[in-house]
């Protein structure tokens, strides 16, 4: 099994993988989960769990008409 990153929501590291007809990853700290089927399409749930958003964009300056 590929190593999983901590939970993206709570930072917890206790992530359980449950394999049956589908693979479910579940954070034992906050209950966040991912399943390997979404809208009938199989996906790599481990890669999806480990994917993180890029750094936040800096705020845009607010301009007002003179």
PDB file of N, CA and C in Angstrom:
ATOM      1  N   UNK A   1       0.847  -1.192   0.000  1.00  0.00           N
ATOM      2  CA  UNK A   1       0.000   0.000   0.000  1.00  0.00           C
ATOM      3  C   UNK A   1       0.885   1.245   0.000  1.00  0.00           C
ATOM      4  N   UNK A   2       0.509   2.210  -0.813  1.00  0.00           N
ATOM      5  CA  UNK A   2       1.252   3.477  -0.828  1.00  0.00           C
ATOM      6  C   UNK A   2       1.062   4.166   0.514  1.00  0.00           C
ATOM      7  N   UNK A   3       2.110   4.843   0.967  1.00  0.00           N
ATOM      8  CA  UNK A   3       2.009   5.567   2.228  1.00  0.00           C
ATOM      9  C   UNK A   3       1.039   6.733   2.065  1.00  0.00           C
ATOM     10  N   UNK A   4       0.186   6.912   3.047  1.00  0.00           N
ATOM     11  CA  UNK A   4      -0.812   7.982   2.995  1.00  0.00           C
ATOM     12  C   UNK A   4      -0.352   9.177   3.814  1.00  0.00           C
ATOM     13  N   UNK A   5      -0.622  10.356   3.300  1.00  0.00           N
ATOM     14  CA  UNK A   5      -0.335  11.581   4.043  1.00  0.00           C
ATOM     15  C   UNK A   5      -1.358  11.713   5.166  1.00  0.00           C
ATOM     16  N   UNK A   6      -1.058  12.557   6.170  1.00  0.00           N
ATOM     17  CA  UNK A   6      -2.040  12.805   7.228  1.00  0.00           C
ATOM     18  C   UNK A   6      -3.333  13.375   6.645  1.00  0.00           C
ATOM     19  N   UNK A   7      -4.364  13.318   7.429  1.00  0.00           N
ATOM     20  CA  UNK A   7      -5.671  13.829   7.009  1.00  0.00           C
ATOM     21  C   UNK A   7      -5.567  15.298   6.595  1.00  0.00           C
ATOM     22  N   UNK A   8      -6.126  15.657   5.433  1.00  0.00           N
ATOM     23  CA  UNK A   8      -6.057  17.052   4.995  1.00  0.00           C
ATOM     24  C   UNK A   8      -6.962  17.977   5.804  1.00  0.00           C
ATOM     25  N   UNK A   9      -7.840  17.410   6.616  1.00  0.00           N
ATOM     26  CA  UNK A   9      -8.775  18.233   7.382  1.00  0.00           C
ATOM     27  C   UNK A   9      -8.338  18.439   8.827  1.00  0.00           C
ATOM     28  N   UNK A  10      -7.910  17.347   9.494  1.00  0.00           N
ATOM     29  CA  UNK A  10      -7.538  17.483  10.907  1.00  0.00           C
ATOM     30  C   UNK A  10      -6.050  17.258  11.157  1.00  0.00           C
ATOM     31  N   UNK A  11      -5.312  16.765  10.156  1.00  0.00           N
ATOM     32  CA  UNK A  11      -3.888  16.516  10.317  1.00  0.00           C
ATOM     33  C   UNK A  11      -3.572  15.195  10.992  1.00  0.00           C
ATOM     34  N   UNK A  12      -4.610  14.430  11.334  1.00  0.00           N
ATOM     35  CA  UNK A  12      -4.404  13.147  12.003  1.00  0.00           C
ATOM     36  C   UNK A  12      -3.718  12.133  11.094  1.00  0.00           C
ATOM     37  N   UNK A  13      -2.959  11.240  11.689  1.00  0.00           N
ATOM     38  CA  UNK A  13      -2.226  10.249  10.926  1.00  0.00           C
ATOM     39  C   UNK A  13      -2.812   8.849  10.995  1.00  0.00           C
ATOM     40  N   UNK A  14      -3.914   8.670  11.724  1.00  0.00           N
ATOM     41  CA  UNK A  14      -4.523   7.346  11.856  1.00  0.00           C
ATOM     42  C   UNK A  14      -5.552   7.157  10.741  1.00  0.00           C
ATOM     43  N   UNK A  15      -5.067   6.742   9.574  1.00  0.00           N
ATOM     44  CA  UNK A  15      -5.912   6.571   8.398  1.00  0.00           C
ATOM     45  C   UNK A  15      -6.082   5.075   8.159  1.00  0.00           C
ATOM     46  N   UNK A  16      -7.317   4.605   8.162  1.00  0.00           N
ATOM     47  CA  UNK A  16      -7.603   3.194   7.942  1.00  0.00           C
ATOM     48  C   UNK A  16      -8.050   2.992   6.502  1.00  0.00           C
ATOM     49  N   UNK A  17      -7.587   1.908   5.901  1.00  0.00           N
ATOM     50  CA  UNK A  17      -8.000   1.517   4.551  1.00  0.00           C
ATOM     51  C   UNK A  17      -8.858   0.266   4.686  1.00  0.00           C
ATOM     52  N   UNK A  18     -10.060   0.315   4.127  1.00  0.00           N
ATOM     53  CA  UNK A  18     -10.973  -0.820   4.174  1.00  0.00           C
ATOM     54  C   UNK A  18     -11.225  -1.275   2.742  1.00  0.00           C
ATOM     55  N   UNK A  19     -10.800  -2.500   2.435  1.00  0.00           N
ATOM     56  CA  UNK A  19     -10.926  -3.029   1.078  1.00  0.00           C
ATOM     57  C   UNK A  19     -12.048  -4.057   1.040  1.00  0.00           C
ATOM     58  N   UNK A  20     -12.986  -3.838   0.148  1.00  0.00           N
ATOM     59  CA  UNK A  20     -14.059  -4.783  -0.147  1.00  0.00           C
ATOM     60  C   UNK A  20     -14.247  -4.720  -1.647  1.00  0.00           C
ATOM     61  N   UNK A  21     -15.486  -4.520  -2.082  1.00  0.00           N
ATOM     62  CA  UNK A  21     -15.715  -4.279  -3.510  1.00  0.00           C
ATOM     63  C   UNK A  21     -15.118  -2.937  -3.905  1.00  0.00           C
ATOM     64  N   UNK A  22     -15.036  -2.048  -2.950  1.00  0.00           N
ATOM     65  CA  UNK A  22     -14.420  -0.735  -3.161  1.00  0.00           C
ATOM     66  C   UNK A  22     -13.360  -0.526  -2.084  1.00  0.00           C
ATOM     67  N   UNK A  23     -12.505   0.445  -2.284  1.00  0.00           N
ATOM     68  CA  UNK A  23     -11.503   0.812  -1.281  1.00  0.00           C
ATOM     69  C   UNK A  23     -11.958   2.107  -0.631  1.00  0.00           C
ATOM     70  N   UNK A  24     -12.021   2.110   0.686  1.00  0.00           N
ATOM     71  CA  UNK A  24     -12.425   3.301   1.441  1.00  0.00           C
ATOM     72  C   UNK A  24     -11.280   3.678   2.367  1.00  0.00           C
ATOM     73  N   UNK A  25     -10.879   4.940   2.324  1.00  0.00           N
ATOM     74  CA  UNK A  25      -9.904   5.482   3.268  1.00  0.00           C
ATOM     75  C   UNK A  25     -10.669   6.325   4.268  1.00  0.00           C
ATOM     76  N   UNK A  26     -10.368   6.140   5.553  1.00  0.00           N
ATOM     77  CA  UNK A  26     -11.134   6.815   6.601  1.00  0.00           C
ATOM     78  C   UNK A  26     -10.205   7.324   7.686  1.00  0.00           C
ATOM     79  N   UNK A  27     -10.313   8.618   7.993  1.00  0.00           N
ATOM     80  CA  UNK A  27      -9.556   9.218   9.092  1.00  0.00           C
ATOM     81  C   UNK A  27     -10.260   8.887  10.405  1.00  0.00           C
ATOM     82  N   UNK A  28      -9.524   8.272  11.309  1.00  0.00           N
ATOM     83  CA  UNK A  28     -10.098   7.902  12.599  1.00  0.00           C
ATOM     84  C   UNK A  28     -10.225   9.101  13.531  1.00  0.00           C
ATOM     85  N   UNK A  29      -9.547  10.201  13.202  1.00  0.00           N
ATOM     86  CA  UNK A  29      -9.613  11.395  14.051  1.00  0.00           C
ATOM     87  C   UNK A  29     -10.861  12.222  13.833  1.00  0.00           C
ATOM     88  N   UNK A  30     -11.178  12.509  12.565  1.00  0.00           N
ATOM     89  CA  UNK A  30     -12.310  13.408  12.288  1.00  0.00           C
ATOM     90  C   UNK A  30     -13.415  12.756  11.464  1.00  0.00           C
ATOM     91  N   UNK A  31     -13.164  11.543  10.952  1.00  0.00           N
ATOM     92  CA  UNK A  31     -14.200  10.852  10.194  1.00  0.00           C
ATOM     93  C   UNK A  31     -14.205  11.146   8.703  1.00  0.00           C
ATOM     94  N   UNK A  32     -13.280  11.971   8.224  1.00  0.00           N
ATOM     95  CA  UNK A  32     -13.217  12.252   6.784  1.00  0.00           C
ATOM     96  C   UNK A  32     -12.948  10.942   6.054  1.00  0.00           C
ATOM     97  N   UNK A  33     -13.536  10.779   4.877  1.00  0.00           N
ATOM     98  CA  UNK A  33     -13.309   9.552   4.127  1.00  0.00           C
ATOM     99  C   UNK A  33     -13.325   9.814   2.637  1.00  0.00           C
ATOM    100  N   UNK A  34     -12.747   8.869   1.897  1.00  0.00           N
ATOM    101  CA  UNK A  34     -12.775   8.880   0.430  1.00  0.00           C
ATOM    102  C   UNK A  34     -13.043   7.462  -0.021  1.00  0.00           C
ATOM    103  N   UNK A  35     -13.760   7.333  -1.116  1.00  0.00           N
ATOM    104  CA  UNK A  35     -14.080   6.038  -1.694  1.00  0.00           C
ATOM    105  C   UNK A  35     -13.570   6.030  -3.132  1.00  0.00           C
ATOM    106  N   UNK A  36     -13.210   4.836  -3.635  1.00  0.00           N
ATOM    107  CA  UNK A  36     -12.559   4.784  -4.948  1.00  0.00           C
ATOM    108  C   UNK A  36     -13.512   4.833  -6.135  1.00  0.00           C
ATOM    109  N   UNK A  37     -14.795   4.942  -5.902  1.00  0.00           N
ATOM    110  CA  UNK A  37     -15.741   5.132  -7.002  1.00  0.00           C
ATOM    111  C   UNK A  37     -16.469   6.445  -6.803  1.00  0.00           C
ATOM    112  N   UNK A  38     -16.538   7.247  -7.849  1.00  0.00           N
ATOM    113  CA  UNK A  38     -17.259   8.509  -7.791  1.00  0.00           C
ATOM    114  C   UNK A  38     -18.039   8.628  -9.087  1.00  0.00           C
ATOM    115  N   UNK A  39     -19.345   8.706  -8.970  1.00  0.00           N
ATOM    116  CA  UNK A  39     -20.228   8.773 -10.144  1.00  0.00           C
ATOM    117  C   UNK A  39     -19.966   7.615 -11.106  1.00  0.00           C
ATOM    118  N   UNK A  40     -19.729   6.413 -10.549  1.00  0.00           N
ATOM    119  CA  UNK A  40     -19.533   5.225 -11.358  1.00  0.00           C
ATOM    120  C   UNK A  40     -18.165   5.084 -12.005  1.00  0.00           C
ATOM    121  N   UNK A  41     -17.240   5.982 -11.709  1.00  0.00           N
ATOM    122  CA  UNK A  41     -15.904   5.952 -12.311  1.00  0.00           C
ATOM    123  C   UNK A  41     -14.892   5.615 -11.225  1.00  0.00           C
ATOM    124  N   UNK A  42     -14.069   4.578 -11.490  1.00  0.00           N
ATOM    125  CA  UNK A  42     -13.043   4.215 -10.518  1.00  0.00           C
ATOM    126  C   UNK A  42     -11.892   5.207 -10.591  1.00  0.00           C
ATOM    127  N   UNK A  43     -11.339   5.552  -9.435  1.00  0.00           N
ATOM    128  CA  UNK A  43     -10.197   6.473  -9.380  1.00  0.00           C
ATOM    129  C   UNK A  43      -9.178   5.930  -8.401  1.00  0.00           C
ATOM    130  N   UNK A  44      -7.984   6.460  -8.450  1.00  0.00           N
ATOM    131  CA  UNK A  44      -6.930   6.073  -7.520  1.00  0.00           C
ATOM    132  C   UNK A  44      -7.134   6.857  -6.230  1.00  0.00           C
ATOM    133  N   UNK A  45      -7.830   6.240  -5.282  1.00  0.00           N
ATOM    134  CA  UNK A  45      -8.203   6.942  -4.058  1.00  0.00           C
ATOM    135  C   UNK A  45      -6.985   7.313  -3.216  1.00  0.00           C
ATOM    136  N   UNK A  46      -5.927   6.501  -3.280  1.00  0.00           N
ATOM    137  CA  UNK A  46      -4.718   6.850  -2.507  1.00  0.00           C
ATOM    138  C   UNK A  46      -4.081   8.127  -3.046  1.00  0.00           C
ATOM    139  N   UNK A  47      -3.995   8.245  -4.378  1.00  0.00           N
ATOM    140  CA  UNK A  47      -3.430   9.464  -4.972  1.00  0.00           C
ATOM    141  C   UNK A  47      -4.324  10.661  -4.680  1.00  0.00           C
ATOM    142  N   UNK A  48      -5.636  10.453  -4.722  1.00  0.00           N
ATOM    143  CA  UNK A  48      -6.570  11.554  -4.428  1.00  0.00           C
ATOM    144  C   UNK A  48      -6.428  11.999  -2.975  1.00  0.00           C
ATOM    145  N   UNK A  49      -6.277  11.043  -2.048  1.00  0.00           N
ATOM    146  CA  UNK A  49      -6.124  11.389  -0.623  1.00  0.00           C
ATOM    147  C   UNK A  49      -4.846  12.189  -0.414  1.00  0.00           C
ATOM    148  N   UNK A  50      -3.782  11.804  -1.096  1.00  0.00           N
ATOM    149  CA  UNK A  50      -2.486  12.457  -0.903  1.00  0.00           C
ATOM    150  C   UNK A  50      -2.346  13.783  -1.640  1.00  0.00           C
ATOM    151  N   UNK A  51      -3.234  14.063  -2.587  1.00  0.00           N
ATOM    152  CA  UNK A  51      -3.148  15.314  -3.340  1.00  0.00           C
ATOM    153  C   UNK A  51      -3.530  16.481  -2.429  1.00  0.00           C
ATOM    154  N   UNK A  52      -2.797  17.550  -2.539  1.00  0.00           N
ATOM    155  CA  UNK A  52      -3.067  18.749  -1.745  1.00  0.00           C
ATOM    156  C   UNK A  52      -3.158  19.946  -2.678  1.00  0.00           C
ATOM    157  N   UNK A  53      -3.935  20.905  -2.264  1.00  0.00           N
ATOM    158  CA  UNK A  53      -4.043  22.143  -3.036  1.00  0.00           C
ATOM    159  C   UNK A  53      -2.701  22.867  -2.992  1.00  0.00           C
ATOM    160  N   UNK A  54      -2.439  23.645  -4.007  1.00  0.00           N
ATOM    161  CA  UNK A  54      -1.218  24.435  -4.042  1.00  0.00           C
ATOM    162  C   UNK A  54      -1.297  25.568  -3.033  1.00  0.00           C
ATOM    163  N   UNK A  55      -0.240  26.348  -2.934  1.00  0.00           N
ATOM    164  CA  UNK A  55      -0.252  27.464  -1.994  1.00  0.00           C
ATOM    165  C   UNK A  55      -1.330  28.472  -2.365  1.00  0.00           C
ATOM    166  N   UNK A  56      -1.852  29.119  -1.359  1.00  0.00           N
ATOM    167  CA  UNK A  56      -2.916  30.104  -1.580  1.00  0.00           C
ATOM    168  C   UNK A  56      -2.385  31.278  -2.402  1.00  0.00           C
ATOM    169  N   UNK A  57      -3.241  31.798  -3.216  1.00  0.00           N
ATOM    170  CA  UNK A  57      -2.890  32.976  -4.004  1.00  0.00           C
ATOM    171  C   UNK A  57      -2.910  34.198  -3.085  1.00  0.00           C
ATOM    172  N   UNK A  58      -2.002  35.154  -3.301  1.00  0.00           N
ATOM    173  CA  UNK A  58      -2.061  36.379  -2.481  1.00  0.00           C
ATOM    174  C   UNK A  58      -3.337  37.148  -2.832  1.00  0.00           C
ATOM    175  N   UNK A  59      -3.890  37.861  -1.871  1.00  0.00           N
ATOM    176  CA  UNK A  59      -5.116  38.613  -2.156  1.00  0.00           C
ATOM    177  C   UNK A  59      -4.878  39.692  -3.212  1.00  0.00           C
ATOM    178  N   UNK A  60      -5.877  39.895  -4.028  1.00  0.00           N
ATOM    179  CA  UNK A  60      -5.794  40.938  -5.030  1.00  0.00           C
ATOM    180  C   UNK A  60      -6.041  42.295  -4.388  1.00  0.00           C
ATOM    181  N   UNK A  61      -5.366  43.332  -4.853  1.00  0.00           N
ATOM    182  CA  UNK A  61      -5.614  44.656  -4.291  1.00  0.00           C
ATOM    183  C   UNK A  61      -7.024  45.131  -4.677  1.00  0.00           C
ATOM    184  N   UNK A  62      -7.638  45.830  -3.764  1.00  0.00           N
ATOM    185  CA  UNK A  62      -8.956  46.397  -4.019  1.00  0.00           C
ATOM    186  C   UNK A  62      -8.769  47.820  -4.521  1.00  0.00           C
ATOM    187  N   UNK A  63      -9.317  48.089  -5.668  1.00  0.00           N
ATOM    188  CA  UNK A  63      -9.215  49.450  -6.213  1.00  0.00           C
ATOM    189  C   UNK A  63     -10.613  50.024  -6.341  1.00  0.00           C
ATOM    190  N   UNK A  64     -10.707  51.299  -6.123  1.00  0.00           N
ATOM    191  CA  UNK A  64     -11.997  51.985  -6.258  1.00  0.00           C
ATOM    192  C   UNK A  64     -11.821  53.115  -7.271  1.00  0.00           C
ATOM    193  N   UNK A  65     -12.878  53.357  -8.031  1.00  0.00           N
ATOM    194  CA  UNK A  65     -12.781  54.475  -9.001  1.00  0.00           C
ATOM    195  C   UNK A  65     -12.621  55.795  -8.242  1.00  0.00           C
ATOM    196  N   UNK A  66     -11.862  56.710  -8.827  1.00  0.00           N
ATOM    197  CA  UNK A  66     -11.659  58.031  -8.193  1.00  0.00           C
ATOM    198  C   UNK A  66     -12.760  58.981  -8.537  1.00  0.00           C
TER     199      UNK A  66
END
